[in-house]
C-alpha atoms as a PDB file:
ATOM      1  CA  UNK A   1      -9.535  77.154 -58.796  1.00  0.00           C
ATOM      2  CA  UNK A   2      -7.996  79.065 -55.894  1.00  0.00           C
ATOM      3  CA  UNK A   3      -8.013  82.814 -55.852  1.00  0.00           C
ATOM      4  CA  UNK A   4      -5.720  84.071 -53.453  1.00  0.00           C
ATOM      5  CA  UNK A   5      -6.488  87.502 -51.959  1.00  0.00           C
ATOM      6  CA  UNK A   6      -3.264  88.932 -50.345  1.00  0.00           C
ATOM      7  CA  UNK A   7      -2.870  92.055 -48.366  1.00  0.00           C
ATOM      8  CA  UNK A   8       0.516  93.375 -47.527  1.00  0.00           C
ATOM      9  CA  UNK A   9       0.803  96.375 -45.297  1.00  0.00           C
ATOM     10  CA  UNK A  10       3.106  99.479 -45.739  1.00  0.00           C
ATOM     11  CA  UNK A  11       4.093 100.904 -42.295  1.00  0.00           C
ATOM     12  CA  UNK A  12       1.061 103.822 -41.587  1.00  0.00           C
ATOM     13  CA  UNK A  13      -1.717 101.756 -43.883  1.00  0.00           C
ATOM     14  CA  UNK A  14      -4.884 100.819 -42.207  1.00  0.00           C
ATOM     15  CA  UNK A  15      -6.490  97.451 -42.062  1.00  0.00           C
ATOM     16  CA  UNK A  16      -9.617  97.025 -39.840  1.00  0.00           C
ATOM     17  CA  UNK A  17      -9.612  92.937 -39.141  1.00  0.00           C
ATOM     18  CA  UNK A  18     -12.963  93.532 -37.233  1.00  0.00           C
ATOM     19  CA  UNK A  19     -14.693  94.760 -40.385  1.00  0.00           C
ATOM     20  CA  UNK A  20     -12.945  92.603 -42.672  1.00  0.00           C
ATOM     21  CA  UNK A  21     -14.022  89.350 -40.949  1.00  0.00           C
ATOM     22  CA  UNK A  22     -17.466  90.286 -39.525  1.00  0.00           C
ATOM     23  CA  UNK A  23     -18.910  92.649 -42.528  1.00  0.00           C
ATOM     24  CA  UNK A  24     -16.562  92.321 -46.060  1.00  0.00           C
ATOM     25  CA  UNK A  25     -16.401  88.315 -46.117  1.00  0.00           C
ATOM     26  CA  UNK A  26     -19.862  87.739 -45.270  1.00  0.00           C
ATOM     27  CA  UNK A  27     -20.859  89.937 -48.234  1.00  0.00           C
ATOM     28  CA  UNK A  28     -18.618  88.115 -50.528  1.00  0.00           C
ATOM     29  CA  UNK A  29     -20.187  84.642 -49.252  1.00  0.00           C
ATOM     30  CA  UNK A  30     -23.745  85.796 -49.887  1.00  0.00           C
ATOM     31  CA  UNK A  31     -23.182  87.634 -53.146  1.00  0.00           C
ATOM     32  CA  UNK A  32     -21.039  84.738 -54.556  1.00  0.00           C
ATOM     33  CA  UNK A  33     -21.997  81.368 -52.844  1.00  0.00           C
ATOM     34  CA  UNK A  34     -24.449  80.488 -55.569  1.00  0.00           C
ATOM     35  CA  UNK A  35     -22.195  81.807 -58.292  1.00  0.00           C
ATOM     36  CA  UNK A  36     -19.854  79.128 -57.859  1.00  0.00           C
ATOM     37  CA  UNK A  37     -17.924  79.822 -54.599  1.00  0.00           C
ATOM     38  CA  UNK A  38     -17.203  76.904 -52.175  1.00  0.00           C
ATOM     39  CA  UNK A  39     -15.459  77.726 -49.445  1.00  0.00           C
ATOM     40  CA  UNK A  40     -13.467  80.802 -48.122  1.00  0.00           C
ATOM     41  CA  UNK A  41     -10.420  80.747 -45.688  1.00  0.00           C
ATOM     42  CA  UNK A  42      -8.915  83.531 -44.020  1.00  0.00           C
ATOM     43  CA  UNK A  43      -5.534  83.579 -42.585  1.00  0.00           C
ATOM     44  CA  UNK A  44      -4.236  86.294 -40.365  1.00  0.00           C
ATOM     45  CA  UNK A  45      -0.308  86.883 -40.358  1.00  0.00           C
ATOM     46  CA  UNK A  46       0.724  86.539 -36.929  1.00  0.00           C
ATOM     47  CA  UNK A  47       4.407  86.757 -37.112  1.00  0.00           C
ATOM     48  CA  UNK A  48       7.546  85.033 -38.899  1.00  0.00           C
ATOM     49  CA  UNK A  49      10.738  83.741 -37.807  1.00  0.00           C
ATOM     50  CA  UNK A  50      12.595  86.540 -35.905  1.00  0.00           C
ATOM     51  CA  UNK A  51       9.946  89.453 -36.693  1.00  0.00           C
ATOM     52  CA  UNK A  52       6.349  90.599 -37.832  1.00  0.00           C
ATOM     53  CA  UNK A  53       4.829  88.726 -40.574  1.00  0.00           C
ATOM     54  CA  UNK A  54       5.563  90.043 -44.161  1.00  0.00           C
ATOM     55  CA  UNK A  55       1.402  89.412 -45.048  1.00  0.00           C
ATOM     56  CA  UNK A  56      -1.244  91.050 -42.741  1.00  0.00           C
ATOM     57  CA  UNK A  57      -3.753  88.498 -44.527  1.00  0.00           C
ATOM     58  CA  UNK A  58      -4.030  85.857 -46.615  1.00  0.00           C
ATOM     59  CA  UNK A  59      -7.807  84.968 -48.205  1.00  0.00           C
ATOM     60  CA  UNK A  60      -8.201  81.992 -49.744  1.00  0.00           C
ATOM     61  CA  UNK A  61     -11.550  81.577 -51.976  1.00  0.00           C
ATOM     62  CA  UNK A  62     -12.294  78.384 -53.819  1.00  0.00           C
ATOM     63  CA  UNK A  63     -14.642  78.882 -56.632  1.00  0.00           C
ATOM     64  CA  UNK A  64     -15.944  76.009 -59.284  1.00  0.00           C
ATOM     65  CA  UNK A  65     -13.678  77.444 -62.464  1.00  0.00           C
ATOM     66  CA  UNK A  66     -12.306  80.896 -63.317  1.00  0.00           C
ATOM     67  CA  UNK A  67     -15.270  81.468 -65.210  1.00  0.00           C
ATOM     68  CA  UNK A  68     -17.647  81.065 -62.281  1.00  0.00           C
ATOM     69  CA  UNK A  69     -15.211  83.616 -60.255  1.00  0.00           C
ATOM     70  CA  UNK A  70     -15.441  86.159 -63.586  1.00  0.00           C
ATOM     71  CA  UNK A  71     -19.063  85.690 -63.444  1.00  0.00           C
ATOM     72  CA  UNK A  72     -19.773  86.511 -60.184  1.00  0.00           C
ATOM     73  CA  UNK A  73     -17.426  89.393 -60.139  1.00  0.00           C
ATOM     74  CA  UNK A  74     -19.558  90.669 -63.202  1.00  0.00           C
ATOM     75  CA  UNK A  75     -22.456  90.629 -61.129  1.00  0.00           C
ATOM     76  CA  UNK A  76     -21.080  91.899 -57.779  1.00  0.00           C
ATOM     77  CA  UNK A  77     -17.624  92.939 -58.334  1.00  0.00           C
ATOM     78  CA  UNK A  78     -18.797  96.756 -58.198  1.00  0.00           C
ATOM     79  CA  UNK A  79     -20.167  96.112 -54.897  1.00  0.00           C
ATOM     80  CA  UNK A  80     -17.506  93.797 -53.609  1.00  0.00           C
ATOM     81  CA  UNK A  81     -14.870  96.165 -54.693  1.00  0.00           C
ATOM     82  CA  UNK A  82     -16.400  99.235 -53.259  1.00  0.00           C
ATOM     83  CA  UNK A  83     -16.640  97.570 -49.564  1.00  0.00           C
ATOM     84  CA  UNK A  84     -12.394  97.519 -50.037  1.00  0.00           C
ATOM     85  CA  UNK A  85     -12.227 100.938 -48.950  1.00  0.00           C
ATOM     86  CA  UNK A  86     -14.124 100.324 -45.539  1.00  0.00           C
ATOM     87  CA  UNK A  87     -11.512  98.243 -44.093  1.00  0.00           C
ATOM     88  CA  UNK A  88      -8.185  98.941 -45.954  1.00  0.00           C
ATOM     89  CA  UNK A  89      -6.284 101.808 -47.866  1.00  0.00           C
ATOM     90  CA  UNK A  90      -4.035  99.523 -49.707  1.00  0.00           C
ATOM     91  CA  UNK A  91      -4.439  96.992 -52.775  1.00  0.00           C
ATOM     92  CA  UNK A  92      -4.436  93.508 -52.596  1.00  0.00           C
ATOM     93  CA  UNK A  93      -2.088  91.034 -54.722  1.00  0.00           C
ATOM     94  CA  UNK A  94      -4.585  88.691 -56.630  1.00  0.00           C
ATOM     95  CA  UNK A  95      -3.387  85.330 -58.185  1.00  0.00           C
ATOM     96  CA  UNK A  96      -5.557  82.235 -59.092  1.00  0.00           C
ATOM     97  CA  UNK A  97      -4.044  79.012 -58.186  1.00  0.00           C
ATOM     98  CA  UNK A  98      -4.770  75.520 -59.257  1.00  0.00           C
ATOM     99  CA  UNK A  99      -4.854  72.898 -56.519  1.00  0.00           C
ATOM    100  CA  UNK A 100      -2.353  70.146 -57.134  1.00  0.00           C
ATOM    101  CA  UNK A 101      -2.560  68.407 -53.660  1.00  0.00           C
END
């Protein structure tokens, strides 16, 4: 299962990319890698045809299963979600995905 975490920013909203990549992602990896997290990819939007990117950042987190994600968040979710306010003032969109190819 691949979890997508998508950050779309409105004008005036903040996103500290340095904190996200150097602190938040390592925190997520440290807490969840022994609970089913297999890999993390971070995609930073740099543009789109004719303008700025519609999405600031997409994180793709691959887990063994939805259940392993839920177990990890049950154990460490408060700490991980509590860290979000340190790098952004927006709420991400979260989506569960099955890999087809």
